[in-house]
Protein backbone atom coordinates (compact mmCIF):
# COMPACT_ATOMS: atom_id res chain seq x y z
CA MET A 1 0.03 -0.07 0.26
CA ASN A 2 3.01 2.23 0.45
CA ARG A 3 4.37 1.97 -3.23
CA THR A 4 5.22 4.87 -4.98
CA ARG A 5 2.48 6.03 -7.33
CA MET A 6 3.33 5.03 -10.78
CA SER A 7 2.69 8.68 -12.08
CA LEU A 8 3.91 11.13 -9.30
CA LEU A 9 1.61 14.25 -8.87
CA ALA A 10 3.72 17.32 -10.28
CA ALA A 11 3.66 20.47 -8.55
CA LEU A 12 2.41 23.17 -10.78
CA THR A 13 4.97 25.52 -11.54
CA LEU A 14 4.70 29.34 -11.59
CA VAL A 15 4.64 31.35 -14.82
CA ALA A 16 7.53 33.91 -15.22
CA GLY A 17 6.73 37.30 -13.08
CA SER A 18 3.73 35.97 -11.34
CA SER A 19 3.95 36.53 -7.07
CA ALA A 20 5.28 33.95 -5.33
CA THR A 21 4.13 35.53 -2.02
CA ALA A 22 1.03 35.51 -2.54
CA LEU A 23 1.18 31.78 -2.48
CA CYS A 24 3.40 31.09 0.54
CA ALA A 25 4.71 33.86 2.45
CA THR A 26 7.00 31.89 4.91
CA SER A 27 8.70 30.00 2.29
CA ALA A 28 9.70 32.39 -0.43
CA ASP A 29 12.61 30.17 -1.86
CA ALA A 30 10.38 27.28 -2.31
CA ALA A 31 7.20 29.33 -3.86
CA ALA A 32 9.39 31.08 -6.46
CA THR A 33 9.63 27.93 -8.46
CA ALA A 34 6.21 25.68 -7.27
CA THR A 35 3.20 25.67 -5.74
CA PRO A 36 3.80 25.02 -1.84
CA CYS A 37 1.59 21.99 -1.61
CA THR A 38 -0.29 19.52 -3.43
CA VAL A 39 -3.28 17.40 -2.42
CA ASP A 40 -4.76 14.67 -3.84
CA TYR A 41 -8.10 13.68 -2.12
CA LYS A 42 -9.38 10.62 -3.85
CA VAL A 43 -12.65 8.54 -2.80
CA GLN A 44 -11.88 4.93 -3.19
CA ASN A 45 -14.93 3.35 -2.50
CA GLN A 46 -18.44 4.52 -1.77
CA TRP A 47 -21.55 2.92 -0.85
CA GLY A 48 -25.06 3.93 0.34
CA THR A 49 -24.13 5.76 3.47
CA GLY A 50 -20.50 5.82 3.45
CA PHE A 51 -17.09 6.07 1.91
CA THR A 52 -13.24 5.68 1.84
CA ALA A 53 -11.05 8.15 0.75
CA ALA A 54 -7.27 8.20 0.01
CA VAL A 55 -5.05 11.81 0.69
CA THR A 56 -1.89 12.18 -0.48
CA VAL A 57 -0.19 15.52 0.28
CA THR A 58 3.39 16.59 -1.35
CA ASN A 59 5.27 19.44 0.43
CA ASN A 60 7.09 21.66 -1.88
CA ALA A 61 8.03 24.35 0.91
CA ALA A 62 10.76 23.97 3.42
CA ALA A 63 11.30 20.39 5.14
CA LYS A 64 8.87 19.90 8.23
CA SER A 65 8.78 18.06 11.25
CA SER A 66 4.96 17.87 11.98
CA TRP A 67 2.27 18.65 9.75
CA ALA A 68 -1.66 18.88 9.66
CA VAL A 69 -3.91 18.82 6.93
CA LYS A 70 -7.42 20.77 7.19
CA TRP A 71 -10.33 20.99 4.73
CA SER A 72 -14.17 21.56 5.33
CA TYR A 73 -16.82 19.72 3.59
CA ALA A 74 -19.81 21.43 2.08
CA GLY A 75 -22.51 18.72 2.97
CA ASP A 76 -22.80 16.44 6.28
CA GLN A 77 -20.00 14.07 5.66
CA GLN A 78 -18.75 12.78 9.09
CA VAL A 79 -15.50 10.97 9.48
CA THR A 80 -15.96 7.59 11.50
CA SER A 81 -12.19 6.20 11.63
CA GLY A 82 -8.81 6.99 9.88
CA TRP A 83 -4.97 5.64 10.03
CA SER A 84 -1.74 6.68 9.09
CA ALA A 85 -2.85 10.26 10.43
CA ASN A 86 -4.71 11.51 13.63
CA VAL A 87 -8.15 12.59 11.59
CA SER A 88 -10.55 14.68 13.60
CA GLN A 89 -13.47 16.47 12.84
CA SER A 90 -15.44 19.56 14.66
CA GLY A 91 -18.82 20.38 12.54
CA THR A 92 -17.86 20.33 8.79
CA ALA A 93 -13.92 21.23 9.46
CA VAL A 94 -11.65 18.21 9.42
CA THR A 95 -7.95 18.45 10.61
CA ALA A 96 -5.29 15.34 9.71
CA ALA A 97 -2.31 15.60 11.61
CA ASN A 98 0.69 13.48 11.79
CA GLU A 99 1.05 10.26 13.86
CA SER A 100 4.67 10.20 15.65
CA TYR A 101 6.17 8.02 12.97
CA ASN A 102 5.52 9.96 10.13
CA GLY A 103 5.86 13.71 11.11
CA ALA A 104 8.90 14.50 9.22
CA LEU A 105 7.58 15.69 5.69
CA ALA A 106 11.08 16.81 3.61
CA THR A 107 11.07 19.11 0.73
CA GLY A 108 9.38 17.47 -2.41
CA GLY A 109 8.21 14.52 0.01
CA SER A 110 4.76 13.13 0.29
CA VAL A 111 2.78 11.46 2.72
CA SER A 112 -0.47 9.46 2.60
CA PHE A 113 -3.27 8.87 5.02
CA GLY A 114 -6.94 7.26 4.72
CA PHE A 115 -10.40 7.32 6.51
CA ASN A 116 -13.59 6.25 6.63
CA ALA A 117 -16.95 8.43 6.64
CA SER A 118 -20.41 8.54 6.42
CA TYR A 119 -22.70 11.05 4.55
CA SER A 120 -26.00 11.38 2.80
CA GLY A 121 -27.26 13.33 -0.38
CA THR A 122 -24.04 14.31 -2.27
CA ASN A 123 -20.55 13.65 -1.54
CA ALA A 124 -18.32 16.32 -3.00
CA ILE A 125 -15.07 16.61 -2.84
CA PRO A 126 -13.41 19.61 -0.90
CA SER A 127 -12.69 22.74 -2.85
CA THR A 128 -9.52 23.99 -0.36
CA PHE A 129 -6.97 22.25 1.25
CA THR A 130 -4.32 23.57 3.68
CA LEU A 131 -1.13 22.61 4.51
CA ASP A 132 -0.32 24.23 7.85
CA GLY A 133 -2.10 27.26 7.45
CA VAL A 134 -1.11 27.27 3.58
CA THR A 135 -3.37 27.01 0.78
CA CYS A 136 -2.50 24.04 -1.65
CA ASN A 137 -3.32 22.97 -4.97
CA VAL A 138 -5.63 20.17 -5.30
CA ASP A 139 -5.40 17.37 -8.02
CA GLY A 140 -8.34 16.62 -9.48
CA GLY A 141 -9.96 13.28 -10.28
CA GLY A 142 -11.70 11.98 -7.16
CA GLY A 143 -11.00 8.77 -8.07
CA ASP A 144 -13.52 6.51 -9.72
CA ASN A 145 -15.90 6.53 -6.59
CA GLY A 146 -15.52 2.46 -6.57
CA GLY A 147 -17.35 2.09 -9.83
CA GLY A 148 -15.32 1.69 -12.88
CA SER A 149 -12.33 -0.07 -13.50
CA SER A 150 -9.57 2.30 -14.15
CA GLY A 151 -6.38 -0.38 -13.99
CA SER A 152 -4.62 2.63 -12.11
CA ARG A 153 -2.61 1.75 -8.87
CA VAL A 154 -4.29 2.44 -5.73
CA ASP A 155 -3.36 2.69 -1.79
CA ASN A 156 -5.24 -0.49 -1.04
CA PRO A 157 -5.91 -2.95 -3.51
CA TYR A 158 -9.16 -4.37 -1.26
CA ALA A 159 -10.95 -1.00 -1.11
CA GLY A 160 -13.82 -0.98 -3.58
CA ALA A 161 -13.10 -4.33 -5.16
CA LYS A 162 -14.26 -7.50 -5.28
CA MET A 163 -12.07 -10.94 -4.35
CA TYR A 164 -11.60 -13.67 -6.99
CA VAL A 165 -13.21 -16.91 -6.14
CA ASN A 166 -11.11 -20.13 -6.76
CA PRO A 167 -13.69 -22.25 -8.98
CA GLU A 168 -11.88 -24.91 -7.85
CA TRP A 169 -11.79 -24.46 -4.03
CA SER A 170 -15.49 -23.48 -4.63
CA ALA A 171 -16.42 -26.81 -6.24
CA LYS A 172 -14.94 -28.83 -3.41
CA ALA A 173 -16.96 -26.60 -0.42
CA ALA A 174 -20.06 -26.82 -2.44
CA ALA A 175 -19.94 -30.79 -2.40
CA GLU A 176 -19.77 -30.82 1.22
CA PRO A 177 -22.94 -31.12 3.24
CA GLY A 178 -23.73 -27.33 4.55
CA GLY A 179 -21.09 -26.26 2.23
CA SER A 180 -22.86 -23.90 -0.29
CA ARG A 181 -22.99 -21.67 2.56
CA VAL A 182 -19.19 -20.51 1.86
CA ALA A 183 -18.50 -21.94 -1.40
CA ASP A 184 -18.69 -18.30 -2.64
CA GLN A 185 -16.19 -16.79 -0.56
CA PRO A 186 -13.07 -15.77 -2.01
CA THR A 187 -9.72 -18.02 -1.10
CA ALA A 188 -5.83 -17.85 -2.62
CA VAL A 189 -4.42 -19.57 -5.17
CA TRP A 190 -1.43 -21.41 -3.88
CA LEU A 191 1.25 -21.78 -6.05
CA ASP A 192 3.52 -23.99 -4.47
CA ARG A 193 6.02 -25.86 -6.46
CA ILE A 194 6.86 -25.19 -10.19
CA ALA A 195 4.02 -27.62 -11.74
CA THR A 196 1.32 -25.42 -10.45
CA ILE A 197 2.09 -22.46 -12.75
CA ASN A 198 0.90 -24.45 -15.41
CA GLY A 199 -1.60 -26.46 -13.60
CA VAL A 200 -1.58 -30.39 -12.04
CA SER A 201 -3.15 -33.06 -12.88
CA GLY A 202 -5.37 -31.22 -15.04
CA GLY A 203 -6.15 -28.18 -12.82
CA MET A 204 -6.42 -25.13 -13.52
CA GLY A 205 -3.03 -22.98 -13.87
CA LEU A 206 -1.96 -19.55 -13.40
CA ARG A 207 -3.11 -18.36 -16.47
CA ALA A 208 -6.91 -20.19 -16.57
CA HIS A 209 -7.31 -18.60 -12.88
CA LEU A 210 -6.43 -15.02 -14.26
CA ASN A 211 -8.81 -15.72 -17.23
CA GLU A 212 -11.60 -16.63 -15.14
CA ALA A 213 -10.52 -13.55 -13.12
CA VAL A 214 -11.20 -11.58 -15.61
CA LYS A 215 -14.65 -12.83 -16.14
CA GLN A 216 -15.52 -12.42 -12.47
CA LYS A 217 -14.30 -9.09 -12.57
CA GLY A 218 -16.89 -7.62 -14.89
CA SER A 219 -16.87 -3.59 -15.38
CA GLY A 220 -15.78 -3.34 -11.76
CA ASP A 221 -12.38 -4.05 -9.58
CA LEU A 222 -11.39 -7.46 -8.60
CA VAL A 223 -8.66 -8.28 -6.56
CA VAL A 224 -7.12 -11.92 -7.24
CA GLN A 225 -4.64 -13.25 -4.34
CA LEU A 226 -1.57 -15.38 -4.76
CA VAL A 227 0.52 -17.49 -2.48
CA ILE A 228 4.08 -17.49 -3.81
CA TYR A 229 5.61 -20.32 -2.06
CA ASP A 230 8.42 -22.44 -3.40
CA LEU A 231 11.61 -21.00 -1.83
CA PRO A 232 14.68 -23.62 -2.07
CA GLY A 233 14.95 -24.96 1.40
CA ARG A 234 11.56 -24.03 2.14
CA ASP A 235 10.00 -23.99 5.88
CA CYS A 236 12.98 -25.21 7.32
CA ALA A 237 11.09 -25.88 10.64
CA ALA A 238 8.15 -27.62 9.74
CA LEU A 239 8.53 -30.96 7.49
CA ALA A 240 4.84 -30.92 6.46
CA SER A 241 5.54 -27.92 4.33
CA ASN A 242 8.74 -28.58 2.98
CA GLY A 243 9.16 -27.66 -0.77
CA GLU A 244 10.31 -29.43 -4.12
CA LEU A 245 13.90 -27.07 -4.48
CA GLY A 246 16.68 -28.04 -2.29
CA PRO A 247 18.52 -25.30 -0.13
CA ASN A 248 21.06 -24.24 -2.80
CA ASP A 249 18.51 -24.10 -5.87
CA ILE A 250 18.23 -20.42 -6.03
CA ASP A 251 18.72 -19.96 -9.64
CA ARG A 252 16.32 -22.70 -10.43
CA TYR A 253 13.55 -20.65 -8.16
CA LYS A 254 14.60 -17.56 -10.04
CA SER A 255 14.50 -19.01 -13.70
CA GLN A 256 12.06 -21.58 -13.41
CA TYR A 257 9.42 -20.29 -10.86
CA ILE A 258 9.54 -16.53 -10.55
CA ASP A 259 10.21 -15.13 -13.94
CA PRO A 260 7.53 -17.67 -15.58
CA ILE A 261 4.78 -16.12 -12.80
CA ALA A 262 6.21 -12.78 -13.58
CA SER A 263 6.04 -13.48 -17.46
CA ILE A 264 2.28 -14.42 -17.22
CA LEU A 265 1.32 -11.47 -14.68
CA SER A 266 2.87 -9.03 -17.26
CA ASP A 267 0.09 -10.12 -20.15
CA PRO A 268 -1.96 -6.69 -21.01
CA ALA A 269 -4.46 -9.06 -20.69
CA TYR A 270 -4.14 -9.04 -17.10
CA ALA A 271 -3.75 -5.48 -16.69
CA GLY A 272 -6.94 -4.29 -15.24
CA LEU A 273 -6.85 -6.86 -12.45
CA ARG A 274 -5.49 -6.21 -8.77
CA ILE A 275 -2.64 -9.06 -8.20
CA ALA A 276 -2.09 -9.50 -4.33
CA THR A 277 0.69 -11.62 -3.77
CA VAL A 278 1.73 -13.05 -0.36
CA ILE A 279 5.35 -14.03 -0.48
CA GLU A 280 6.64 -16.91 1.15
CA PRO A 281 4.88 -17.53 4.34
CA ASP A 282 7.26 -18.66 7.36
CA SER A 283 10.75 -18.03 5.56
CA LEU A 284 11.78 -14.78 6.94
CA PRO A 285 10.20 -15.48 10.47
CA ASN A 286 12.11 -18.62 10.61
CA LEU A 287 15.26 -16.59 9.81
CA VAL A 288 14.41 -14.67 13.27
CA THR A 289 13.55 -17.34 15.33
CA ASN A 290 14.94 -20.68 14.31
CA ALA A 291 18.13 -20.05 12.71
CA GLY A 292 20.47 -19.84 15.50
CA GLY A 293 20.84 -18.78 19.40
CA THR A 294 17.42 -20.49 20.63
CA ASN A 295 16.34 -23.81 21.64
CA THR A 296 14.07 -23.57 18.75
CA THR A 297 16.87 -23.55 16.23
CA THR A 298 16.92 -25.93 13.58
CA ASP A 299 19.77 -27.25 11.36
CA ALA A 300 17.68 -26.51 8.01
CA CYS A 301 16.95 -23.18 9.30
CA VAL A 302 20.73 -22.72 10.16
CA THR A 303 21.85 -23.58 6.60
CA MET A 304 19.25 -21.35 5.11
CA LYS A 305 20.40 -17.98 7.12
CA SER A 306 23.99 -19.00 6.14
CA ASN A 307 23.44 -19.53 2.42
CA GLY A 308 21.64 -16.39 2.12
CA ASN A 309 18.94 -17.94 -0.46
CA TYR A 310 15.57 -16.96 1.48
CA GLU A 311 16.71 -13.69 1.96
CA LYS A 312 17.92 -13.73 -1.97
CA GLY A 313 14.72 -15.48 -3.35
CA VAL A 314 12.42 -13.19 -1.42
CA SER A 315 14.35 -9.74 -2.54
CA TYR A 316 13.94 -11.34 -6.24
CA ALA A 317 10.49 -11.76 -5.97
CA LEU A 318 9.58 -8.67 -4.74
CA ALA A 319 11.94 -6.91 -7.23
CA LYS A 320 10.47 -9.07 -9.98
CA LEU A 321 6.88 -8.59 -9.31
CA GLY A 322 6.90 -5.24 -7.54
CA ALA A 323 7.98 -4.24 -11.15
CA ILE A 324 4.38 -4.85 -12.72
CA PRO A 325 2.10 -1.98 -11.95
CA ASN A 326 -0.74 -3.70 -10.63
CA VAL A 327 0.88 -6.28 -8.60
CA TYR A 328 0.64 -5.70 -4.87
CA ASN A 329 3.30 -7.70 -2.82
CA TYR A 330 2.34 -8.74 1.10
CA LEU A 331 5.59 -10.22 3.07
CA ASP A 332 4.54 -12.50 5.42
CA ALA A 333 5.22 -12.09 8.96
CA GLY A 334 4.07 -14.99 11.04
CA HIS A 335 1.69 -14.60 13.65
CA HIS A 336 1.19 -12.96 17.44
CA GLY A 337 2.20 -16.14 18.88
CA TRP A 338 5.81 -16.51 17.08
CA LEU A 339 6.78 -12.85 16.52
CA GLY A 340 5.13 -10.68 19.27
CA TRP A 341 7.48 -10.83 21.84
CA ASP A 342 9.74 -7.68 22.51
CA THR A 343 12.74 -9.74 21.40
CA ASN A 344 11.09 -10.75 18.12
CA LEU A 345 9.17 -7.92 16.77
CA GLY A 346 12.02 -5.78 16.23
CA PRO A 347 14.32 -8.06 14.68
CA ALA A 348 11.18 -9.16 12.56
CA ALA A 349 11.17 -5.33 11.01
CA GLN A 350 14.59 -5.00 10.62
CA GLU A 351 14.73 -8.35 8.68
CA PHE A 352 11.81 -7.34 6.34
CA ALA A 353 13.81 -4.12 5.79
CA LYS A 354 16.95 -5.82 4.87
CA VAL A 355 15.70 -8.09 2.39
CA ALA A 356 13.11 -5.16 0.67
CA THR A 357 16.38 -2.73 0.01
CA THR A 358 19.20 -5.76 -0.93
CA ASN A 359 19.55 -8.00 -3.96
CA GLY A 360 17.66 -5.39 -6.34
CA ALA A 361 14.77 -5.05 -4.13
CA SER A 362 13.04 -1.69 -2.79
CA MET A 363 10.61 -0.92 -0.13
CA ASN A 364 8.39 0.41 -2.80
CA ASP A 365 8.22 -3.20 -3.76
CA VAL A 366 5.88 -3.92 -0.53
CA ALA A 367 2.45 -3.15 -0.63
CA GLY A 368 2.41 -3.98 3.10
CA PHE A 369 2.54 -7.21 5.16
CA ILE A 370 -0.03 -10.40 6.07
CA VAL A 371 -0.19 -11.83 9.45
CA ASN A 372 -1.62 -15.32 10.75
CA THR A 373 -1.19 -16.88 7.34
CA ALA A 374 -2.56 -20.74 7.24
CA ASN A 375 -2.60 -20.06 11.24
CA TYR A 376 -5.37 -20.12 14.07
CA GLY A 377 -4.79 -16.82 15.68
CA PRO A 378 -7.82 -15.07 16.47
CA VAL A 379 -8.28 -11.84 15.06
CA LYS A 380 -9.47 -10.62 18.28
CA GLU A 381 -9.65 -11.72 22.09
CA PRO A 382 -12.50 -10.24 23.26
CA ASN A 383 -12.51 -10.91 26.87
CA PHE A 384 -9.01 -9.66 28.29
CA LYS A 385 -6.37 -7.16 26.93
CA ILE A 386 -2.81 -7.44 27.04
CA THR A 387 -3.03 -4.54 30.02
CA ASP A 388 -5.29 -6.27 31.93
CA SER A 389 -4.11 -7.32 35.71
CA VAL A 390 -5.24 -9.69 38.07
CA ASN A 391 -4.28 -8.82 41.94
CA GLY A 392 -1.54 -6.59 41.00
CA GLN A 393 -0.21 -9.13 38.28
CA THR A 394 0.01 -8.02 34.77
CA VAL A 395 -2.25 -10.94 32.52
CA ARG A 396 1.27 -11.18 30.42
CA GLN A 397 2.51 -13.32 33.19
CA ALA A 398 0.17 -15.98 32.48
CA LYS A 399 1.43 -19.14 30.82
CA TRP A 400 -0.60 -19.01 27.79
CA LEU A 401 0.78 -15.51 27.15
CA ASP A 402 4.27 -16.28 28.21
CA TRP A 403 5.10 -12.36 28.39
CA ASN A 404 3.80 -11.86 24.76
CA GLN A 405 3.08 -8.46 23.95
CA TYR A 406 0.04 -9.20 22.00
CA ALA A 407 -2.89 -11.92 22.46
CA ASP A 408 -4.69 -11.41 19.03
CA GLU A 409 -3.40 -10.95 15.16
CA GLN A 410 -5.16 -7.57 15.01
CA THR A 411 -3.09 -5.95 17.73
CA TYR A 412 -0.10 -7.76 16.89
CA ALA A 413 -0.75 -6.54 12.78
CA GLN A 414 -1.08 -2.74 14.11
CA GLY A 415 1.75 -3.26 16.50
CA LEU A 416 3.99 -4.81 13.61
CA ARG A 417 3.00 -2.24 11.32
CA ASP A 418 4.23 0.42 13.47
CA LYS A 419 7.76 -1.20 13.62
CA VAL A 420 8.16 -1.59 10.07
CA ILE A 421 7.22 1.86 9.44
CA ALA A 422 9.74 2.65 11.89
CA ALA A 423 12.29 0.72 9.99
CA GLY A 424 11.63 2.75 6.67
CA PHE A 425 8.63 1.39 5.00
CA GLY A 426 5.88 3.81 3.91
CA SER A 427 3.53 5.38 5.88
CA GLY A 428 0.95 3.95 3.68
CA THR A 429 1.95 0.06 4.18
CA GLY A 430 -1.05 -1.88 5.02
CA MET A 431 -1.96 -5.13 6.50
CA LEU A 432 -3.73 -8.09 5.82
CA ILE A 433 -5.11 -11.12 8.15
CA ASP A 434 -5.87 -14.51 7.24
CA THR A 435 -9.00 -15.05 9.11
CA SER A 436 -9.99 -18.24 7.18
CA ARG A 437 -9.74 -20.69 10.17
CA ASP A 438 -9.31 -18.34 13.52
CA GLY A 439 -12.89 -17.84 14.46
CA TRP A 440 -13.20 -20.48 17.39
CA GLY A 441 -17.06 -20.27 17.75
CA GLY A 442 -19.19 -23.45 18.77
CA SER A 443 -20.07 -24.65 22.60
CA ALA A 444 -16.40 -24.30 23.56
CA ARG A 445 -16.34 -20.28 23.25
CA PRO A 446 -16.15 -18.47 26.65
CA SER A 447 -18.77 -16.20 26.79
CA GLY A 448 -16.96 -13.56 28.96
CA PRO A 449 -13.78 -13.36 31.35
CA GLY A 450 -12.23 -16.08 33.30
CA PRO A 451 -12.23 -15.90 36.88
CA GLN A 452 -10.03 -13.09 38.55
CA THR A 453 -8.86 -15.71 40.91
CA SER A 454 -5.37 -15.85 38.88
CA VAL A 455 -3.89 -14.75 36.06
CA ASP A 456 -3.75 -18.08 34.10
CA ASN A 457 -7.48 -18.49 35.42
CA TYR A 458 -8.33 -15.22 33.91
CA VAL A 459 -6.78 -15.92 30.75
CA ASN A 460 -7.67 -19.47 30.54
CA GLY A 461 -11.21 -18.87 31.39
CA GLY A 462 -11.94 -16.33 28.65
CA ARG A 463 -9.65 -16.99 25.85
CA ILE A 464 -11.47 -17.58 22.63
CA ASP A 465 -8.41 -19.28 21.52
CA ARG A 466 -8.82 -23.10 22.50
CA ARG A 467 -5.59 -24.27 20.82
CA ILE A 468 -3.45 -26.23 23.97
CA HIS A 469 -0.50 -24.14 22.85
CA VAL A 470 0.08 -20.89 20.88
CA GLY A 471 2.41 -22.74 18.66
CA ASN A 472 0.29 -25.48 17.63
CA TRP A 473 -0.14 -25.10 13.77
CA CYS A 474 -1.28 -28.40 12.40
CA ASN A 475 -5.09 -29.17 11.45
CA GLN A 476 -6.34 -27.83 15.13
CA SER A 477 -9.33 -29.52 16.88
CA GLY A 478 -12.04 -27.18 17.56
CA ALA A 479 -11.29 -24.53 14.99
CA GLY A 480 -13.58 -22.44 12.71
CA LEU A 481 -14.14 -20.34 10.40
CA GLY A 482 -13.38 -17.05 10.86
CA GLU A 483 -14.14 -13.30 10.00
CA ARG A 484 -15.31 -13.26 6.19
CA PRO A 485 -13.30 -11.70 3.86
CA THR A 486 -13.73 -7.89 4.04
CA ALA A 487 -12.11 -4.75 3.10
CA ALA A 488 -10.64 -2.17 5.32
CA PRO A 489 -12.31 -3.50 8.35
CA ALA A 490 -9.52 -1.34 10.71
CA ALA A 491 -7.03 1.12 10.72
CA GLY A 492 -4.21 0.11 9.03
CA ILE A 493 -5.50 -2.89 7.80
CA ASP A 494 -6.20 -3.46 4.53
CA ALA A 495 -8.56 -6.19 4.46
CA TYR A 496 -9.39 -9.73 6.38
CA VAL A 497 -8.49 -12.62 3.76
CA TRP A 498 -9.06 -16.27 3.71
CA VAL A 499 -5.39 -17.19 2.25
CA LYS A 500 -5.50 -20.87 3.56
CA PRO A 501 -8.45 -22.18 1.84
CA PRO A 502 -10.82 -23.60 4.57
CA GLY A 503 -10.46 -27.43 4.10
CA GLU A 504 -7.19 -27.95 2.72
CA SER A 505 -4.76 -30.03 5.32
CA ASP A 506 -1.80 -28.29 6.90
CA GLY A 507 -0.25 -31.55 6.84
CA ALA A 508 -0.49 -35.58 6.96
CA SER A 509 -0.96 -37.03 10.31
CA SER A 510 1.09 -40.18 9.43
CA ASP A 511 4.18 -40.53 7.19
CA ILE A 512 2.65 -40.59 3.03
CA PRO A 513 5.02 -41.10 0.11
CA ASN A 514 4.76 -37.98 -1.99
CA ASP A 515 6.31 -36.59 -5.04
CA GLU A 516 5.47 -32.89 -3.67
CA GLY A 517 8.59 -33.08 -1.44
CA LYS A 518 6.18 -32.78 1.40
CA GLY A 519 7.87 -34.71 5.03
CA PHE A 520 6.15 -35.85 7.82
CA ASP A 521 6.15 -33.56 10.73
CA ARG A 522 5.54 -34.82 14.34
CA MET A 523 3.26 -31.61 15.07
CA CYS A 524 0.58 -32.78 12.57
CA ASP A 525 0.18 -36.14 14.69
CA PRO A 526 -2.43 -36.02 17.33
CA ALA A 527 -0.33 -38.48 19.41
CA TYR A 528 2.51 -36.35 19.20
CA GLY A 529 3.84 -34.47 22.60
CA GLY A 530 5.43 -31.89 21.51
CA ASN A 531 8.81 -29.92 20.88
CA ALA A 532 10.48 -26.69 22.15
CA ARG A 533 8.47 -24.62 19.52
CA ASN A 534 5.54 -25.44 21.40
CA ASN A 535 7.19 -25.84 25.17
CA ASN A 536 6.53 -29.61 24.71
CA ASN A 537 2.86 -29.81 24.63
CA PRO A 538 0.42 -31.89 22.61
CA SER A 539 0.07 -31.26 19.23
CA GLY A 540 -4.06 -30.40 19.12
CA ALA A 541 -3.86 -31.86 15.70
CA LEU A 542 -6.72 -33.76 14.40
CA PRO A 543 -6.39 -37.46 13.17
CA ASN A 544 -6.39 -39.01 9.52
CA ALA A 545 -5.11 -36.05 7.96
CA PRO A 546 -3.86 -36.09 4.22
CA LEU A 547 -0.75 -34.14 2.67
CA GLY A 548 -0.76 -30.59 3.16
CA GLY A 549 -2.60 -28.88 0.34
CA HIS A 550 -5.25 -31.69 0.15
CA TRP A 551 -8.67 -31.86 0.87
CA PHE A 552 -9.63 -32.96 4.10
CA SER A 553 -13.09 -33.42 4.34
CA ALA A 554 -13.30 -33.58 8.17
CA GLN A 555 -11.58 -30.71 8.93
CA PHE A 556 -14.09 -28.50 6.51
CA GLN A 557 -17.12 -29.88 8.52
CA GLN A 558 -15.32 -28.52 11.92
CA LEU A 559 -14.63 -25.36 10.48
CA MET A 560 -18.15 -24.72 9.59
CA GLN A 561 -19.48 -26.39 12.56
CA ASN A 562 -17.23 -23.73 15.02
CA ALA A 563 -17.59 -20.98 12.52
CA TYR A 564 -17.55 -17.36 14.17
CA PRO A 565 -19.31 -15.40 13.27
CA PRO A 566 -21.79 -18.52 13.15
CA LEU A 567 -22.81 -19.50 9.68
CA PRO A 568 -26.62 -19.24 8.62
């Protein structure tokens, strides 16, 4: 979401002999050559009673350490929430002031923010904007109001757009008893080996999916979601999701995997699609926590950190795919139960920044980050907050939290967003949350907080996440479908998405020979007693699971049964 606009707004140049003083008396030198500031205000999405707007302001005057943009509405528009700025309103007057992390605004620099608002009647674009009291030039256009299909780059690709429904997944879901209730939901397409680019066993390849996406798009906008997932030595800490490429196959990854994908995505026939790519789940988080110096270290992760091929591969994917104007790259950023601790979050942000600025990649190649990919952490824990205390003891001391800074995925996503922006990513960076299997409804869902007899009783009695341990990740018993895919549900969140298609296994519960490179991970064995990564707790996995990515009917039925919000 922070990618530089493909066509930067140019400030209007003053004609010879015109007065600079009338434009900006406090910055005469800058005003002599350009307007002091330019504002681009676009309505990205509009519905009957509300709208989403994105604002970019460019400063052509002296550099600033803080800023405030102001405008007034002619109608009854009321701002309801904002992101990347402190947006407030008094009557018809609106003020958007910098956050703590984006106050610096260089000469020639730009900053973007957005907001949701309600309205009735007409929704006219404000005619006048000021930056720190100085009137700015206003760029026309106002966006397409969510109606047409311009194909131009946007801040949040999900805003005002439909999402692609994978016909192959939809057919499997519809074939299940009760599955028609969710078969029309959008899910991501996983490109988890080279063969999937052209299609496996008569199934749809990448081009077939994109052709179908063009049909589904119609006259509006549509996001098609692709998971890029075939790094050398893939998923060095989980055998169930190992891949086809060896640790040193970086050249093959580039030439036989990323390059063909980029070639297809570059086809002009698909230029009108918004293509959101999830870049290599679990890879960079493994380098942060499992590649040395901890009791969760694995030899495979040490190898991948040493040879640098995770970093080289991710950088190459970012640069190659990021060069395509309608592709939006989202880097995988683990989940709150992995990187949420103080000791992991900062190093993770630095690792992401490193990969986005080396080997040909740029931070402009990163639209945002995704959390909870194929995992089970709830979007929100409604019955307690990380700041709660019981009898003077912080709930962070509870065994379930174990001093984690976060208890759920939304607060983690927003906290991580602050960290990556501080590390140099743009203020418009957006976050995705995979909510496909984190609903935790059904009869086991607590209806309120736990008893305040101890921090453990309080947290365990109220937490909706019913896993045995937050480190459990394979085919979890008791899980349910989560929030349905939704655009811009909260500040800084581009969308809730279903990246892991519900009903597709995380891994086999026993050793199954295969030609997909997928090993047997004991974390998928319901009889397994655990390891250091789940503090030696039982795996909590369902029995009789097939290989990862294969259809698991019993799990799909459980996910529907325990859906939250419940299914009709």
